[in-house]
Amino acid sequence: MKPRDLVFDLFGDYLRYLGGEARLQDVVRLLADFGVPESTSRVVMTRMRKQGWLGARRQGRGTVYYLSERSWELLDEGRRRIFERETTPWDRKWRVVVYSVPETDRGARDRVRKQLRWLGFGALGSSTWISPHDRLQDVRRALADEPSVRSDLLVATSEGPAADLDMARRSWDLDALNRTLVEARDSYRSRLAKVRALPPTGADALVERVSLIHGYRHTLFQDPDLPQELLPTGWVGGEAHQLFLELHELLRPEAESYCRAVVGVD
């Protein structure tokens, strides 16, 4: 786990509910629980402030850090992607993003693809991405800082259910993804059994819960949360997500209690 990602997780899941800010010495102590040396923690916090992710103010001889508005927007968007699933029936409309990027700006192309995956879009073609969910406004905001990218955002319908299924299979490798989700589901089941048998306490609970989120990003984040009519038989994405939520909540009281103790909040 990268120190920068840990800082976002600590603020987003814990410190935001403990006043929204923290002394540098407390952040350093929390990062130490993840094996991050103090010198590295200080460098990371300074760098994040210079990049606009953090703000800082003096408090006596120390420094207090807090998230910038830009960071809160990023965290809130991430929280929606992690914890909220689509529950409304599909309107059978595809949201389509067609974009072009100059050959000289490969970095922008990579960033666009990363953002579209983050938002649950799949690649129907090299520069044509689709999603069954109404997230075009999210795409518009994500591409606002990419002046070299030209994009068209469309709403389209196919010729019918068979075409919808074909488009879904071409845009996502659903069989391979389901195998990954089966592994995640089984891992969550095993972890739940261990936590129930021997609940972790203190820093161990915090580390376990944060590592759970990081693991989620590498597995369930790949799940585009497709409507039922587009999923293959035996799809376990929903089951894996519910187990993740159960484990995340089970670890919450002890992890939050430990953070409160570190930052001195009752």
C-alpha atoms as a PDB file:
ATOM      1  CA  MET A   1       0.000   0.000   0.000  1.00  0.00           C
ATOM      2  CA  LYS A   2       1.444   3.362  -1.051  1.00  0.00           C
ATOM      3  CA  PRO A   3       1.748   6.014   1.691  1.00  0.00           C
ATOM      4  CA  ARG A   4      -0.203   8.536  -0.409  1.00  0.00           C
ATOM      5  CA  ASP A   5      -3.114   6.105  -0.755  1.00  0.00           C
ATOM      6  CA  LEU A   6      -2.990   5.389   2.961  1.00  0.00           C
ATOM      7  CA  VAL A   7      -3.285   9.099   3.752  1.00  0.00           C
ATOM      8  CA  PHE A   8      -6.426   9.332   1.595  1.00  0.00           C
ATOM      9  CA  ASP A   9      -7.895   6.238   3.257  1.00  0.00           C
ATOM     10  CA  LEU A  10      -7.168   7.484   6.773  1.00  0.00           C
ATOM     11  CA  PHE A  11      -8.769  10.849   6.091  1.00  0.00           C
ATOM     12  CA  GLY A  12     -11.665   9.469   4.056  1.00  0.00           C
ATOM     13  CA  ASP A  13     -12.724   6.643   6.362  1.00  0.00           C
ATOM     14  CA  TYR A  14     -11.655   7.921   9.778  1.00  0.00           C
ATOM     15  CA  LEU A  15     -10.282  11.434  10.228  1.00  0.00           C
ATOM     16  CA  ARG A  16     -13.193  13.031   8.332  1.00  0.00           C
ATOM     17  CA  TYR A  17     -15.418  11.896  11.217  1.00  0.00           C
ATOM     18  CA  LEU A  18     -12.973  13.121  13.861  1.00  0.00           C
ATOM     19  CA  GLY A  19     -12.989  16.801  12.966  1.00  0.00           C
ATOM     20  CA  GLY A  20     -11.659  16.433   9.419  1.00  0.00           C
ATOM     21  CA  GLU A  21      -8.078  17.290  10.310  1.00  0.00           C
ATOM     22  CA  ALA A  22      -5.129  15.794  12.161  1.00  0.00           C
ATOM     23  CA  ARG A  23      -1.788  16.794  13.607  1.00  0.00           C
ATOM     24  CA  LEU A  24       1.219  15.696  11.608  1.00  0.00           C
ATOM     25  CA  GLN A  25       2.529  13.666  14.538  1.00  0.00           C
ATOM     26  CA  ASP A  26      -0.755  11.697  14.682  1.00  0.00           C
ATOM     27  CA  VAL A  27      -0.728  10.965  10.952  1.00  0.00           C
ATOM     28  CA  VAL A  28       2.890   9.837  11.266  1.00  0.00           C
ATOM     29  CA  ARG A  29       1.914   7.488  14.089  1.00  0.00           C
ATOM     30  CA  LEU A  30      -0.981   6.003  12.125  1.00  0.00           C
ATOM     31  CA  LEU A  31       1.171   5.487   9.028  1.00  0.00           C
ATOM     32  CA  ALA A  32       3.789   3.763  11.197  1.00  0.00           C
ATOM     33  CA  ASP A  33       1.211   1.034  11.870  1.00  0.00           C
ATOM     34  CA  PHE A  34       1.468   0.227   8.145  1.00  0.00           C
ATOM     35  CA  GLY A  35       5.253   0.127   8.225  1.00  0.00           C
ATOM     36  CA  VAL A  36       5.793   3.620   6.803  1.00  0.00           C
ATOM     37  CA  PRO A  37       8.923   5.282   8.266  1.00  0.00           C
ATOM     38  CA  GLU A  38       8.495   8.712   9.849  1.00  0.00           C
ATOM     39  CA  SER A  39      10.815  10.362   7.328  1.00  0.00           C
ATOM     40  CA  THR A  40       8.725   9.008   4.444  1.00  0.00           C
ATOM     41  CA  SER A  41       5.474  10.110   6.076  1.00  0.00           C
ATOM     42  CA  ARG A  42       6.738  13.679   6.460  1.00  0.00           C
ATOM     43  CA  VAL A  43       7.890  13.831   2.848  1.00  0.00           C
ATOM     44  CA  VAL A  44       4.564  12.449   1.594  1.00  0.00           C
ATOM     45  CA  MET A  45       2.502  14.941   3.608  1.00  0.00           C
ATOM     46  CA  THR A  46       4.609  17.875   2.372  1.00  0.00           C
ATOM     47  CA  ARG A  47       4.367  16.673  -1.220  1.00  0.00           C
ATOM     48  CA  MET A  48       0.582  16.218  -1.009  1.00  0.00           C
ATOM     49  CA  ARG A  49       0.250  19.758   0.334  1.00  0.00           C
ATOM     50  CA  LYS A  50       2.320  21.164  -2.545  1.00  0.00           C
ATOM     51  CA  GLN A  51       0.183  19.198  -5.025  1.00  0.00           C
ATOM     52  CA  GLY A  52      -2.997  20.720  -3.622  1.00  0.00           C
ATOM     53  CA  TRP A  53      -4.390  17.563  -2.011  1.00  0.00           C
ATOM     54  CA  LEU A  54      -3.845  18.823   1.538  1.00  0.00           C
ATOM     55  CA  GLY A  55      -4.009  22.114   3.353  1.00  0.00           C
ATOM     56  CA  ALA A  56      -2.009  22.915   6.482  1.00  0.00           C
ATOM     57  CA  ARG A  57      -2.023  25.312   9.404  1.00  0.00           C
ATOM     58  CA  ARG A  58       0.228  25.877  12.359  1.00  0.00           C
ATOM     59  CA  GLN A  59      -0.841  24.821  15.852  1.00  0.00           C
ATOM     60  CA  GLY A  60       1.748  25.824  18.409  1.00  0.00           C
ATOM     61  CA  ARG A  61       4.988  24.223  17.286  1.00  0.00           C
ATOM     62  CA  GLY A  62       3.216  21.607  15.217  1.00  0.00           C
ATOM     63  CA  THR A  63       1.333  21.406  11.936  1.00  0.00           C
ATOM     64  CA  VAL A  64      -2.267  20.361  11.395  1.00  0.00           C
ATOM     65  CA  TYR A  65      -3.259  18.910   8.027  1.00  0.00           C
ATOM     66  CA  TYR A  66      -6.679  18.798   6.391  1.00  0.00           C
ATOM     67  CA  LEU A  67      -7.989  17.750   2.993  1.00  0.00           C
ATOM     68  CA  SER A  68      -8.574  20.272   0.227  1.00  0.00           C
ATOM     69  CA  GLU A  69     -11.938  20.581  -1.514  1.00  0.00           C
ATOM     70  CA  ARG A  70     -10.434  18.754  -4.488  1.00  0.00           C
ATOM     71  CA  SER A  71      -9.551  15.818  -2.240  1.00  0.00           C
ATOM     72  CA  TRP A  72     -13.010  15.662  -0.681  1.00  0.00           C
ATOM     73  CA  GLU A  73     -14.550  15.459  -4.157  1.00  0.00           C
ATOM     74  CA  LEU A  74     -12.207  12.604  -5.058  1.00  0.00           C
ATOM     75  CA  LEU A  75     -12.952  10.732  -1.840  1.00  0.00           C
ATOM     76  CA  ASP A  76     -16.719  11.197  -2.131  1.00  0.00           C
ATOM     77  CA  GLU A  77     -16.659   9.886  -5.687  1.00  0.00           C
ATOM     78  CA  GLY A  78     -14.591   6.900  -4.601  1.00  0.00           C
ATOM     79  CA  ARG A  79     -16.934   6.206  -1.729  1.00  0.00           C
ATOM     80  CA  ARG A  80     -19.900   6.080  -4.078  1.00  0.00           C
ATOM     81  CA  ARG A  81     -18.064   3.647  -6.348  1.00  0.00           C
ATOM     82  CA  ILE A  82     -17.154   1.389  -3.419  1.00  0.00           C
ATOM     83  CA  PHE A  83     -20.327   1.328  -1.351  1.00  0.00           C
ATOM     84  CA  GLU A  84     -23.214   2.128  -3.689  1.00  0.00           C
ATOM     85  CA  ARG A  85     -24.621  -0.324  -6.211  1.00  0.00           C
ATOM     86  CA  GLU A  86     -27.184   0.355  -8.912  1.00  0.00           C
ATOM     87  CA  THR A  87     -30.650  -0.747  -7.791  1.00  0.00           C
ATOM     88  CA  THR A  88     -32.982   0.813 -10.361  1.00  0.00           C
ATOM     89  CA  PRO A  89     -34.082  -1.232 -13.390  1.00  0.00           C
ATOM     90  CA  TRP A  90     -32.006  -0.696 -16.497  1.00  0.00           C
ATOM     91  CA  ASP A  91     -33.584   1.655 -19.040  1.00  0.00           C
ATOM     92  CA  ARG A  92     -31.862  -0.327 -21.837  1.00  0.00           C
ATOM     93  CA  LYS A  93     -29.889   2.728 -22.861  1.00  0.00           C
ATOM     94  CA  TRP A  94     -26.127   2.783 -23.271  1.00  0.00           C
ATOM     95  CA  ARG A  95     -24.056   5.790 -22.265  1.00  0.00           C
ATOM     96  CA  VAL A  96     -21.323   6.122 -24.871  1.00  0.00           C
ATOM     97  CA  VAL A  97     -18.024   8.027 -24.753  1.00  0.00           C
ATOM     98  CA  VAL A  98     -16.153   8.536 -28.021  1.00  0.00           C
ATOM     99  CA  TYR A  99     -12.868  10.392 -27.605  1.00  0.00           C
ATOM    100  CA  SER A 100      -9.740  11.326 -29.511  1.00  0.00           C
ATOM    101  CA  VAL A 101      -6.298  12.188 -28.145  1.00  0.00           C
ATOM    102  CA  PRO A 102      -3.289  13.481 -30.113  1.00  0.00           C
ATOM    103  CA  GLU A 103      -0.629  10.834 -30.711  1.00  0.00           C
ATOM    104  CA  THR A 104       1.836  13.109 -28.945  1.00  0.00           C
ATOM    105  CA  ASP A 105      -0.129  12.987 -25.685  1.00  0.00           C
ATOM    106  CA  ARG A 106      -0.086   9.342 -24.692  1.00  0.00           C
ATOM    107  CA  GLY A 107      -0.218  10.290 -21.018  1.00  0.00           C
ATOM    108  CA  ALA A 108      -3.647  11.849 -21.518  1.00  0.00           C
ATOM    109  CA  ARG A 109      -4.852   8.704 -23.304  1.00  0.00           C
ATOM    110  CA  ASP A 110      -3.800   6.565 -20.356  1.00  0.00           C
ATOM    111  CA  ARG A 111      -5.467   8.921 -17.886  1.00  0.00           C
ATOM    112  CA  VAL A 112      -8.724   8.918 -19.870  1.00  0.00           C
ATOM    113  CA  ARG A 113      -8.821   5.123 -19.973  1.00  0.00           C
ATOM    114  CA  LYS A 114      -8.090   4.920 -16.270  1.00  0.00           C
ATOM    115  CA  GLN A 115     -10.889   7.377 -15.479  1.00  0.00           C
ATOM    116  CA  LEU A 116     -13.380   5.518 -17.652  1.00  0.00           C
ATOM    117  CA  ARG A 117     -12.556   2.195 -16.004  1.00  0.00           C
ATOM    118  CA  TRP A 118     -12.912   3.869 -12.607  1.00  0.00           C
ATOM    119  CA  LEU A 119     -16.410   4.980 -13.612  1.00  0.00           C
ATOM    120  CA  GLY A 120     -17.374   1.475 -14.731  1.00  0.00           C
ATOM    121  CA  PHE A 121     -17.122   1.932 -18.493  1.00  0.00           C
ATOM    122  CA  GLY A 122     -15.934  -0.853 -20.789  1.00  0.00           C
ATOM    123  CA  ALA A 123     -14.061  -0.552 -24.081  1.00  0.00           C
ATOM    124  CA  LEU A 124     -16.327  -1.418 -26.994  1.00  0.00           C
ATOM    125  CA  GLY A 125     -13.572  -0.093 -29.286  1.00  0.00           C
ATOM    126  CA  SER A 126     -10.178   1.535 -28.821  1.00  0.00           C
ATOM    127  CA  SER A 127     -11.724   4.998 -28.381  1.00  0.00           C
ATOM    128  CA  THR A 128     -15.367   4.052 -27.779  1.00  0.00           C
ATOM    129  CA  TRP A 129     -16.408   3.160 -24.238  1.00  0.00           C
ATOM    130  CA  ILE A 130     -19.856   2.230 -22.942  1.00  0.00           C
ATOM    131  CA  SER A 131     -21.767   1.872 -19.696  1.00  0.00           C
ATOM    132  CA  PRO A 132     -25.390   0.958 -18.935  1.00  0.00           C
ATOM    133  CA  HIS A 133     -25.361   3.510 -16.098  1.00  0.00           C
ATOM    134  CA  ASP A 134     -26.064   7.232 -16.343  1.00  0.00           C
ATOM    135  CA  ARG A 135     -22.582   8.540 -15.539  1.00  0.00           C
ATOM    136  CA  LEU A 136     -21.936  10.939 -18.402  1.00  0.00           C
ATOM    137  CA  GLN A 137     -21.837  13.906 -16.031  1.00  0.00           C
ATOM    138  CA  ASP A 138     -19.092  12.118 -14.104  1.00  0.00           C
ATOM    139  CA  VAL A 139     -17.204  11.612 -17.365  1.00  0.00           C
ATOM    140  CA  ARG A 140     -17.609  15.275 -18.264  1.00  0.00           C
ATOM    141  CA  ARG A 141     -16.124  16.323 -14.923  1.00  0.00           C
ATOM    142  CA  ALA A 142     -13.304  13.787 -15.209  1.00  0.00           C
ATOM    143  CA  LEU A 143     -12.281  15.043 -18.654  1.00  0.00           C
ATOM    144  CA  ALA A 144     -12.570  18.737 -17.806  1.00  0.00           C
ATOM    145  CA  ASP A 145      -8.867  18.920 -16.923  1.00  0.00           C
ATOM    146  CA  GLU A 146      -7.726  17.257 -20.160  1.00  0.00           C
ATOM    147  CA  PRO A 147      -7.620  20.066 -22.752  1.00  0.00           C
ATOM    148  CA  SER A 148      -6.044  17.863 -25.437  1.00  0.00           C
ATOM    149  CA  VAL A 149      -8.933  15.362 -25.292  1.00  0.00           C
ATOM    150  CA  ARG A 150     -11.922  15.787 -27.604  1.00  0.00           C
ATOM    151  CA  SER A 151     -14.969  13.758 -26.650  1.00  0.00           C
ATOM    152  CA  ASP A 152     -18.540  13.103 -27.657  1.00  0.00           C
ATOM    153  CA  LEU A 153     -20.941  11.865 -24.993  1.00  0.00           C
ATOM    154  CA  LEU A 154     -23.931   9.988 -26.348  1.00  0.00           C
ATOM    155  CA  VAL A 155     -26.985   8.046 -25.219  1.00  0.00           C
ATOM    156  CA  ALA A 156     -27.826   5.113 -27.504  1.00  0.00           C
ATOM    157  CA  THR A 157     -29.964   2.010 -27.786  1.00  0.00           C
ATOM    158  CA  SER A 158     -29.108  -1.236 -29.526  1.00  0.00           C
ATOM    159  CA  GLU A 159     -31.206  -3.396 -31.828  1.00  0.00           C
ATOM    160  CA  GLY A 160     -32.374  -5.541 -28.920  1.00  0.00           C
ATOM    161  CA  PRO A 161     -31.426  -7.878 -26.045  1.00  0.00           C
ATOM    162  CA  ALA A 162     -29.165 -10.080 -28.160  1.00  0.00           C
ATOM    163  CA  ALA A 163     -27.178  -7.064 -29.311  1.00  0.00           C
ATOM    164  CA  ASP A 164     -26.961  -5.793 -25.714  1.00  0.00           C
ATOM    165  CA  LEU A 165     -25.492  -9.092 -24.569  1.00  0.00           C
ATOM    166  CA  ASP A 166     -22.999  -9.065 -27.409  1.00  0.00           C
ATOM    167  CA  MET A 167     -21.897  -5.529 -26.595  1.00  0.00           C
ATOM    168  CA  ALA A 168     -21.426  -6.392 -22.921  1.00  0.00           C
ATOM    169  CA  ARG A 169     -19.305  -9.449 -23.764  1.00  0.00           C
ATOM    170  CA  ARG A 170     -17.156  -7.442 -26.163  1.00  0.00           C
ATOM    171  CA  SER A 171     -16.619  -4.604 -23.686  1.00  0.00           C
ATOM    172  CA  TRP A 172     -15.784  -6.720 -20.631  1.00  0.00           C
ATOM    173  CA  ASP A 173     -14.180 -10.154 -20.274  1.00  0.00           C
ATOM    174  CA  LEU A 174     -17.000 -11.279 -18.007  1.00  0.00           C
ATOM    175  CA  ASP A 175     -15.897 -14.918 -17.680  1.00  0.00           C
ATOM    176  CA  ALA A 176     -12.398 -13.952 -16.536  1.00  0.00           C
ATOM    177  CA  LEU A 177     -13.792 -11.244 -14.279  1.00  0.00           C
ATOM    178  CA  ASN A 178     -16.222 -13.660 -12.649  1.00  0.00           C
ATOM    179  CA  ARG A 179     -13.348 -16.028 -11.853  1.00  0.00           C
ATOM    180  CA  THR A 180     -11.577 -13.121 -10.144  1.00  0.00           C
ATOM    181  CA  LEU A 181     -14.723 -12.289  -8.205  1.00  0.00           C
ATOM    182  CA  VAL A 182     -15.119 -15.909  -7.101  1.00  0.00           C
ATOM    183  CA  GLU A 183     -11.618 -15.726  -5.619  1.00  0.00           C
ATOM    184  CA  ALA A 184     -12.512 -12.453  -3.876  1.00  0.00           C
ATOM    185  CA  ARG A 185     -15.757 -13.913  -2.532  1.00  0.00           C
ATOM    186  CA  ASP A 186     -13.971 -16.955  -1.116  1.00  0.00           C
ATOM    187  CA  SER A 187     -11.294 -14.736   0.417  1.00  0.00           C
ATOM    188  CA  TYR A 188     -13.919 -12.578   2.113  1.00  0.00           C
ATOM    189  CA  ARG A 189     -15.656 -15.656   3.488  1.00  0.00           C
ATOM    190  CA  SER A 190     -12.384 -16.892   4.968  1.00  0.00           C
ATOM    191  CA  ARG A 191     -11.532 -13.495   6.454  1.00  0.00           C
ATOM    192  CA  LEU A 192     -14.991 -13.152   7.951  1.00  0.00           C
ATOM    193  CA  ALA A 193     -14.625 -16.499   9.698  1.00  0.00           C
ATOM    194  CA  LYS A 194     -11.247 -15.486  11.140  1.00  0.00           C
ATOM    195  CA  VAL A 195     -12.451 -12.078  12.311  1.00  0.00           C
ATOM    196  CA  ARG A 196     -15.484 -13.599  14.002  1.00  0.00           C
ATOM    197  CA  ALA A 197     -13.372 -16.244  15.710  1.00  0.00           C
ATOM    198  CA  LEU A 198     -10.629 -13.849  16.838  1.00  0.00           C
ATOM    199  CA  PRO A 199     -11.569 -10.184  16.333  1.00  0.00           C
ATOM    200  CA  PRO A 200      -8.496  -7.978  15.766  1.00  0.00           C
ATOM    201  CA  THR A 201      -8.014  -5.054  18.111  1.00  0.00           C
ATOM    202  CA  GLY A 202      -6.265  -1.696  18.029  1.00  0.00           C
ATOM    203  CA  ALA A 203      -3.862  -1.089  15.172  1.00  0.00           C
ATOM    204  CA  ASP A 204      -4.434  -4.605  13.842  1.00  0.00           C
ATOM    205  CA  ALA A 205      -8.109  -3.809  13.223  1.00  0.00           C
ATOM    206  CA  LEU A 206      -7.206  -0.593  11.424  1.00  0.00           C
ATOM    207  CA  VAL A 207      -4.633  -2.282   9.218  1.00  0.00           C
ATOM    208  CA  GLU A 208      -7.016  -5.125   8.395  1.00  0.00           C
ATOM    209  CA  ARG A 209      -9.821  -2.735   7.442  1.00  0.00           C
ATOM    210  CA  VAL A 210      -7.653  -0.461   5.311  1.00  0.00           C
ATOM    211  CA  SER A 211      -6.064  -3.440   3.549  1.00  0.00           C
ATOM    212  CA  LEU A 212      -9.600  -4.666   2.836  1.00  0.00           C
ATOM    213  CA  ILE A 213     -10.350  -1.430   0.954  1.00  0.00           C
ATOM    214  CA  HIS A 214      -7.101  -1.682  -1.007  1.00  0.00           C
ATOM    215  CA  GLY A 215      -7.865  -5.246  -1.991  1.00  0.00           C
ATOM    216  CA  TYR A 216     -11.333  -4.194  -3.100  1.00  0.00           C
ATOM    217  CA  ARG A 217      -9.850  -1.689  -5.525  1.00  0.00           C
ATOM    218  CA  HIS A 218      -7.903  -4.451  -7.226  1.00  0.00           C
ATOM    219  CA  THR A 219     -10.825  -6.873  -7.494  1.00  0.00           C
ATOM    220  CA  LEU A 220     -14.377  -5.600  -7.101  1.00  0.00           C
ATOM    221  CA  PHE A 221     -13.509  -2.273  -8.714  1.00  0.00           C
ATOM    222  CA  GLN A 222     -13.234  -4.260 -11.933  1.00  0.00           C
ATOM    223  CA  ASP A 223     -16.905  -5.207 -11.613  1.00  0.00           C
ATOM    224  CA  PRO A 224     -18.924  -2.788 -13.809  1.00  0.00           C
ATOM    225  CA  ASP A 225     -22.084  -3.591 -11.811  1.00  0.00           C
ATOM    226  CA  LEU A 226     -23.996  -4.549 -14.934  1.00  0.00           C
ATOM    227  CA  PRO A 227     -27.768  -5.052 -14.943  1.00  0.00           C
ATOM    228  CA  GLN A 228     -28.917  -8.617 -14.357  1.00  0.00           C
ATOM    229  CA  GLU A 229     -29.973  -9.077 -17.980  1.00  0.00           C
ATOM    230  CA  LEU A 230     -26.388  -8.521 -19.151  1.00  0.00           C
ATOM    231  CA  LEU A 231     -24.702 -10.916 -16.723  1.00  0.00           C
ATOM    232  CA  PRO A 232     -23.646 -14.500 -17.437  1.00  0.00           C
ATOM    233  CA  THR A 233     -25.080 -17.374 -15.417  1.00  0.00           C
ATOM    234  CA  GLY A 234     -23.372 -17.843 -12.053  1.00  0.00           C
ATOM    235  CA  TRP A 235     -22.222 -14.246 -11.633  1.00  0.00           C
ATOM    236  CA  VAL A 236     -20.991 -13.662  -8.049  1.00  0.00           C
ATOM    237  CA  GLY A 237     -20.289  -9.921  -8.092  1.00  0.00           C
ATOM    238  CA  GLY A 238     -23.253  -9.037  -5.886  1.00  0.00           C
ATOM    239  CA  GLU A 239     -22.451 -11.769  -3.370  1.00  0.00           C
ATOM    240  CA  ALA A 240     -18.798 -10.731  -3.161  1.00  0.00           C
ATOM    241  CA  HIS A 241     -19.799  -7.113  -2.610  1.00  0.00           C
ATOM    242  CA  GLN A 242     -22.168  -8.001   0.241  1.00  0.00           C
ATOM    243  CA  LEU A 243     -19.470 -10.043   1.978  1.00  0.00           C
ATOM    244  CA  PHE A 244     -17.065  -7.118   1.598  1.00  0.00           C
ATOM    245  CA  LEU A 245     -19.592  -4.751   3.202  1.00  0.00           C
ATOM    246  CA  GLU A 246     -20.179  -7.170   6.075  1.00  0.00           C
ATOM    247  CA  LEU A 247     -16.466  -7.524   6.782  1.00  0.00           C
ATOM    248  CA  HIS A 248     -15.887  -3.772   6.481  1.00  0.00           C
ATOM    249  CA  GLU A 249     -18.640  -3.058   9.010  1.00  0.00           C
ATOM    250  CA  LEU A 250     -17.504  -5.801  11.378  1.00  0.00           C
ATOM    251  CA  LEU A 251     -14.055  -4.209  11.637  1.00  0.00           C
ATOM    252  CA  ARG A 252     -15.383  -0.660  11.961  1.00  0.00           C
ATOM    253  CA  PRO A 253     -15.882  -0.186  15.750  1.00  0.00           C
ATOM    254  CA  GLU A 254     -12.416  -1.307  16.775  1.00  0.00           C
ATOM    255  CA  ALA A 255     -10.628   0.492  13.930  1.00  0.00           C
ATOM    256  CA  GLU A 256     -12.474   3.747  14.654  1.00  0.00           C
ATOM    257  CA  SER A 257     -11.851   3.450  18.390  1.00  0.00           C
ATOM    258  CA  TYR A 258      -8.119   3.068  17.770  1.00  0.00           C
ATOM    259  CA  CYS A 259      -8.022   6.157  15.524  1.00  0.00           C
ATOM    260  CA  ARG A 260      -9.886   8.200  18.122  1.00  0.00           C
ATOM    261  CA  ALA A 261      -7.349   7.199  20.726  1.00  0.00           C
ATOM    262  CA  VAL A 262      -4.416   8.183  18.502  1.00  0.00           C
ATOM    263  CA  VAL A 263      -5.761  11.642  17.613  1.00  0.00           C
ATOM    264  CA  GLY A 264      -7.089  12.257  21.131  1.00  0.00           C
ATOM    265  CA  VAL A 265     -10.793  12.553  20.285  1.00  0.00           C
ATOM    266  CA  ASP A 266     -13.343  11.112  22.701  1.00  0.00           C
END
